[in-house]
Amino acid sequence: MKRAVVIVALASAAFPLPALGQESAKDVIAAHIRSQGYACTTPKSAARQPAASRPGEQAWTLTCGEATYLVRLIPDMAADVSVIGSR
């Protein structure tokens, strides 16, 4: 029983965003890309992009006041961020 709890806890820590609501996801992803030097002072929305995701990497479209980004979240690494639109 303890082994199953540890596995679930580790899996949750590695990929926490699917469990978050859209409001939380946009704030978490915005904070993550800001830490990498991207502008996102007003996160407006975040949407999962299953077609752009890869095994072990979640892709999201993050819309901010300054730009729209395609953000690929890679565990234990910096996010792969591409600007897909600017305002």
N, C-alpha and C. Protein backbone atom coordinates (compact mmCIF):
# COMPACT_ATOMS: atom_id res chain seq x y z
N MET A 1 0.82 -1.19 0.00
CA MET A 1 0.00 0.00 0.00
C MET A 1 0.86 1.26 0.00
N LYS A 2 1.91 1.27 0.82
CA LYS A 2 2.77 2.45 0.87
C LYS A 2 3.44 2.72 -0.46
N ARG A 3 3.83 1.67 -1.18
CA ARG A 3 4.48 1.82 -2.47
C ARG A 3 3.55 2.52 -3.45
N ALA A 4 2.28 2.17 -3.47
CA ALA A 4 1.31 2.80 -4.38
C ALA A 4 1.13 4.27 -4.05
N VAL A 5 1.12 4.62 -2.79
CA VAL A 5 0.98 6.02 -2.38
C VAL A 5 2.18 6.82 -2.85
N VAL A 6 3.37 6.27 -2.71
CA VAL A 6 4.58 6.96 -3.14
C VAL A 6 4.58 7.16 -4.64
N ILE A 7 4.18 6.16 -5.41
CA ILE A 7 4.14 6.28 -6.87
C ILE A 7 3.16 7.36 -7.28
N VAL A 8 1.98 7.38 -6.69
CA VAL A 8 0.99 8.41 -7.01
C VAL A 8 1.52 9.79 -6.64
N ALA A 9 2.15 9.92 -5.50
CA ALA A 9 2.69 11.21 -5.07
C ALA A 9 3.77 11.69 -6.03
N LEU A 10 4.66 10.79 -6.47
CA LEU A 10 5.71 11.17 -7.41
C LEU A 10 5.13 11.55 -8.76
N ALA A 11 4.15 10.83 -9.23
CA ALA A 11 3.53 11.15 -10.51
C ALA A 11 2.83 12.50 -10.44
N SER A 12 2.18 12.80 -9.34
CA SER A 12 1.50 14.09 -9.18
C SER A 12 2.50 15.23 -9.15
N ALA A 13 3.64 15.02 -8.51
CA ALA A 13 4.65 16.08 -8.44
C ALA A 13 5.28 16.35 -9.80
N ALA A 14 5.44 15.32 -10.61
CA ALA A 14 6.09 15.49 -11.92
C ALA A 14 5.18 16.19 -12.92
N PHE A 15 3.87 15.96 -12.86
CA PHE A 15 2.94 16.50 -13.83
C PHE A 15 1.71 17.07 -13.14
N PRO A 16 1.85 18.20 -12.40
CA PRO A 16 0.73 18.69 -11.62
C PRO A 16 -0.32 19.47 -12.40
N LEU A 17 -0.03 19.98 -13.57
CA LEU A 17 -0.94 20.90 -14.24
C LEU A 17 -2.26 20.31 -14.74
N PRO A 18 -2.35 19.06 -15.18
CA PRO A 18 -3.66 18.59 -15.63
C PRO A 18 -4.72 18.63 -14.53
N ALA A 19 -4.30 18.53 -13.28
CA ALA A 19 -5.25 18.54 -12.18
C ALA A 19 -5.68 19.96 -11.82
N LEU A 20 -4.96 20.96 -12.28
CA LEU A 20 -5.30 22.33 -11.95
C LEU A 20 -6.42 22.84 -12.84
N GLY A 21 -7.18 23.77 -12.31
CA GLY A 21 -8.19 24.44 -13.13
C GLY A 21 -7.52 25.39 -14.09
N GLN A 22 -8.28 25.91 -15.04
CA GLN A 22 -7.72 26.81 -16.05
C GLN A 22 -7.15 28.07 -15.40
N GLU A 23 -7.80 28.59 -14.36
CA GLU A 23 -7.29 29.79 -13.69
C GLU A 23 -5.92 29.53 -13.08
N SER A 24 -5.75 28.42 -12.38
CA SER A 24 -4.48 28.11 -11.76
C SER A 24 -3.41 27.82 -12.80
N ALA A 25 -3.76 27.09 -13.85
CA ALA A 25 -2.78 26.73 -14.88
C ALA A 25 -2.19 27.98 -15.51
N LYS A 26 -3.01 28.95 -15.85
CA LYS A 26 -2.47 30.15 -16.51
C LYS A 26 -1.52 30.90 -15.59
N ASP A 27 -1.83 30.95 -14.30
CA ASP A 27 -0.96 31.65 -13.37
C ASP A 27 0.36 30.91 -13.15
N VAL A 28 0.30 29.59 -13.04
CA VAL A 28 1.51 28.78 -12.84
C VAL A 28 2.41 28.84 -14.08
N ILE A 29 1.82 28.68 -15.25
CA ILE A 29 2.62 28.72 -16.49
C ILE A 29 3.19 30.11 -16.71
N ALA A 30 2.40 31.15 -16.43
CA ALA A 30 2.90 32.53 -16.59
C ALA A 30 4.08 32.78 -15.67
N ALA A 31 4.00 32.35 -14.43
CA ALA A 31 5.11 32.53 -13.49
C ALA A 31 6.35 31.78 -13.98
N HIS A 32 6.13 30.60 -14.53
CA HIS A 32 7.25 29.79 -15.03
C HIS A 32 7.97 30.49 -16.20
N ILE A 33 7.23 31.01 -17.15
CA ILE A 33 7.91 31.65 -18.29
C ILE A 33 8.49 33.01 -17.90
N ARG A 34 7.87 33.71 -16.94
CA ARG A 34 8.46 34.97 -16.45
C ARG A 34 9.83 34.70 -15.83
N SER A 35 9.97 33.57 -15.14
CA SER A 35 11.26 33.24 -14.53
C SER A 35 12.34 32.98 -15.59
N GLN A 36 11.90 32.75 -16.84
CA GLN A 36 12.83 32.54 -17.95
C GLN A 36 13.02 33.82 -18.77
N GLY A 37 12.42 34.94 -18.34
CA GLY A 37 12.63 36.21 -19.00
C GLY A 37 11.57 36.63 -19.99
N TYR A 38 10.48 35.89 -20.12
CA TYR A 38 9.39 36.24 -21.04
C TYR A 38 8.40 37.15 -20.33
N ALA A 39 7.80 38.07 -21.09
CA ALA A 39 6.82 38.99 -20.53
C ALA A 39 5.44 38.34 -20.50
N CYS A 40 4.85 38.33 -19.33
CA CYS A 40 3.46 37.88 -19.19
C CYS A 40 2.92 38.49 -17.91
N THR A 41 2.68 39.80 -17.95
CA THR A 41 2.20 40.48 -16.75
C THR A 41 0.72 40.25 -16.50
N THR A 42 -0.03 39.97 -17.55
CA THR A 42 -1.47 39.74 -17.41
C THR A 42 -1.84 38.44 -18.10
N PRO A 43 -1.69 37.30 -17.40
CA PRO A 43 -2.10 36.04 -18.03
C PRO A 43 -3.62 36.00 -18.18
N LYS A 44 -4.08 35.71 -19.39
CA LYS A 44 -5.51 35.70 -19.66
C LYS A 44 -6.10 34.31 -19.75
N SER A 45 -5.38 33.37 -20.36
CA SER A 45 -5.89 32.00 -20.47
C SER A 45 -4.75 31.04 -20.76
N ALA A 46 -5.01 29.77 -20.43
CA ALA A 46 -4.09 28.69 -20.76
C ALA A 46 -4.93 27.51 -21.22
N ALA A 47 -4.54 26.92 -22.34
CA ALA A 47 -5.28 25.78 -22.88
C ALA A 47 -4.30 24.68 -23.26
N ARG A 48 -4.58 23.46 -22.83
CA ARG A 48 -3.76 22.31 -23.20
C ARG A 48 -3.78 22.12 -24.70
N GLN A 49 -2.67 21.72 -25.26
CA GLN A 49 -2.54 21.45 -26.69
C GLN A 49 -2.06 20.01 -26.87
N PRO A 50 -2.98 19.05 -26.81
CA PRO A 50 -2.57 17.64 -26.92
C PRO A 50 -1.80 17.33 -28.20
N ALA A 51 -2.15 17.96 -29.31
CA ALA A 51 -1.47 17.67 -30.58
C ALA A 51 -0.02 18.12 -30.56
N ALA A 52 0.31 19.15 -29.77
CA ALA A 52 1.67 19.65 -29.69
C ALA A 52 2.46 19.02 -28.55
N SER A 53 1.78 18.25 -27.70
CA SER A 53 2.44 17.59 -26.58
C SER A 53 3.21 16.38 -27.06
N ARG A 54 4.18 15.98 -26.26
CA ARG A 54 4.99 14.79 -26.53
C ARG A 54 4.94 13.91 -25.28
N PRO A 55 5.33 12.67 -25.39
CA PRO A 55 5.35 11.84 -24.18
C PRO A 55 6.23 12.49 -23.10
N GLY A 56 5.68 12.71 -21.94
CA GLY A 56 6.42 13.32 -20.84
C GLY A 56 6.50 14.83 -20.90
N GLU A 57 5.95 15.46 -21.92
CA GLU A 57 5.98 16.92 -22.07
C GLU A 57 4.59 17.42 -22.42
N GLN A 58 4.08 18.31 -21.60
CA GLN A 58 2.77 18.90 -21.86
C GLN A 58 2.95 20.21 -22.61
N ALA A 59 2.14 20.43 -23.62
CA ALA A 59 2.17 21.69 -24.36
C ALA A 59 0.90 22.48 -24.03
N TRP A 60 1.07 23.77 -23.85
CA TRP A 60 -0.03 24.68 -23.53
C TRP A 60 0.08 25.92 -24.39
N THR A 61 -1.05 26.50 -24.74
CA THR A 61 -1.08 27.83 -25.33
C THR A 61 -1.41 28.79 -24.20
N LEU A 62 -0.52 29.74 -23.95
CA LEU A 62 -0.70 30.72 -22.89
C LEU A 62 -0.91 32.08 -23.54
N THR A 63 -2.05 32.69 -23.26
CA THR A 63 -2.35 34.02 -23.79
C THR A 63 -2.15 35.04 -22.68
N CYS A 64 -1.29 36.01 -22.95
CA CYS A 64 -0.98 37.08 -21.99
C CYS A 64 -1.33 38.42 -22.63
N GLY A 65 -1.25 39.48 -21.85
CA GLY A 65 -1.51 40.81 -22.38
C GLY A 65 -0.53 41.22 -23.46
N GLU A 66 0.71 40.71 -23.36
CA GLU A 66 1.76 41.10 -24.31
C GLU A 66 1.85 40.20 -25.53
N ALA A 67 1.58 38.92 -25.36
CA ALA A 67 1.78 37.96 -26.44
C ALA A 67 1.05 36.65 -26.14
N THR A 68 1.03 35.78 -27.14
CA THR A 68 0.54 34.42 -26.97
C THR A 68 1.73 33.49 -27.20
N TYR A 69 1.87 32.52 -26.31
CA TYR A 69 3.02 31.62 -26.33
C TYR A 69 2.56 30.18 -26.46
N LEU A 70 3.37 29.37 -27.12
CA LEU A 70 3.24 27.92 -27.05
C LEU A 70 4.32 27.50 -26.06
N VAL A 71 3.88 26.90 -24.95
CA VAL A 71 4.79 26.54 -23.86
C VAL A 71 4.79 25.03 -23.73
N ARG A 72 5.95 24.42 -23.88
CA ARG A 72 6.09 22.98 -23.68
C ARG A 72 6.80 22.80 -22.34
N LEU A 73 6.08 22.20 -21.38
CA LEU A 73 6.62 21.98 -20.04
C LEU A 73 7.36 20.65 -20.00
N ILE A 74 8.63 20.73 -19.65
CA ILE A 74 9.50 19.56 -19.62
C ILE A 74 9.94 19.37 -18.17
N PRO A 75 9.62 18.24 -17.54
CA PRO A 75 9.98 18.04 -16.14
C PRO A 75 11.48 18.25 -15.89
N ASP A 76 11.77 18.97 -14.81
CA ASP A 76 13.15 19.20 -14.36
C ASP A 76 14.02 19.98 -15.34
N MET A 77 13.38 20.71 -16.27
CA MET A 77 14.13 21.53 -17.23
C MET A 77 13.37 22.84 -17.45
N ALA A 78 14.02 23.78 -18.10
CA ALA A 78 13.34 25.01 -18.48
C ALA A 78 12.27 24.69 -19.52
N ALA A 79 11.21 25.47 -19.53
CA ALA A 79 10.15 25.26 -20.53
C ALA A 79 10.66 25.67 -21.91
N ASP A 80 10.15 25.00 -22.93
CA ASP A 80 10.43 25.37 -24.31
C ASP A 80 9.31 26.34 -24.70
N VAL A 81 9.66 27.61 -24.93
CA VAL A 81 8.68 28.67 -25.15
C VAL A 81 8.85 29.25 -26.55
N SER A 82 7.73 29.35 -27.28
CA SER A 82 7.73 29.97 -28.61
C SER A 82 6.65 31.04 -28.62
N VAL A 83 6.99 32.21 -29.16
CA VAL A 83 5.99 33.26 -29.33
C VAL A 83 5.20 32.93 -30.58
N ILE A 84 3.88 32.81 -30.43
CA ILE A 84 3.04 32.48 -31.61
C ILE A 84 2.14 33.64 -32.00
N GLY A 85 2.20 34.73 -31.25
CA GLY A 85 1.44 35.92 -31.59
C GLY A 85 1.83 37.04 -30.64
N SER A 86 1.79 38.27 -31.11
CA SER A 86 2.11 39.40 -30.23
C SER A 86 1.03 40.45 -30.37
N ARG A 87 0.94 41.28 -29.39
CA ARG A 87 -0.07 42.34 -29.36
C ARG A 87 0.57 43.68 -29.50
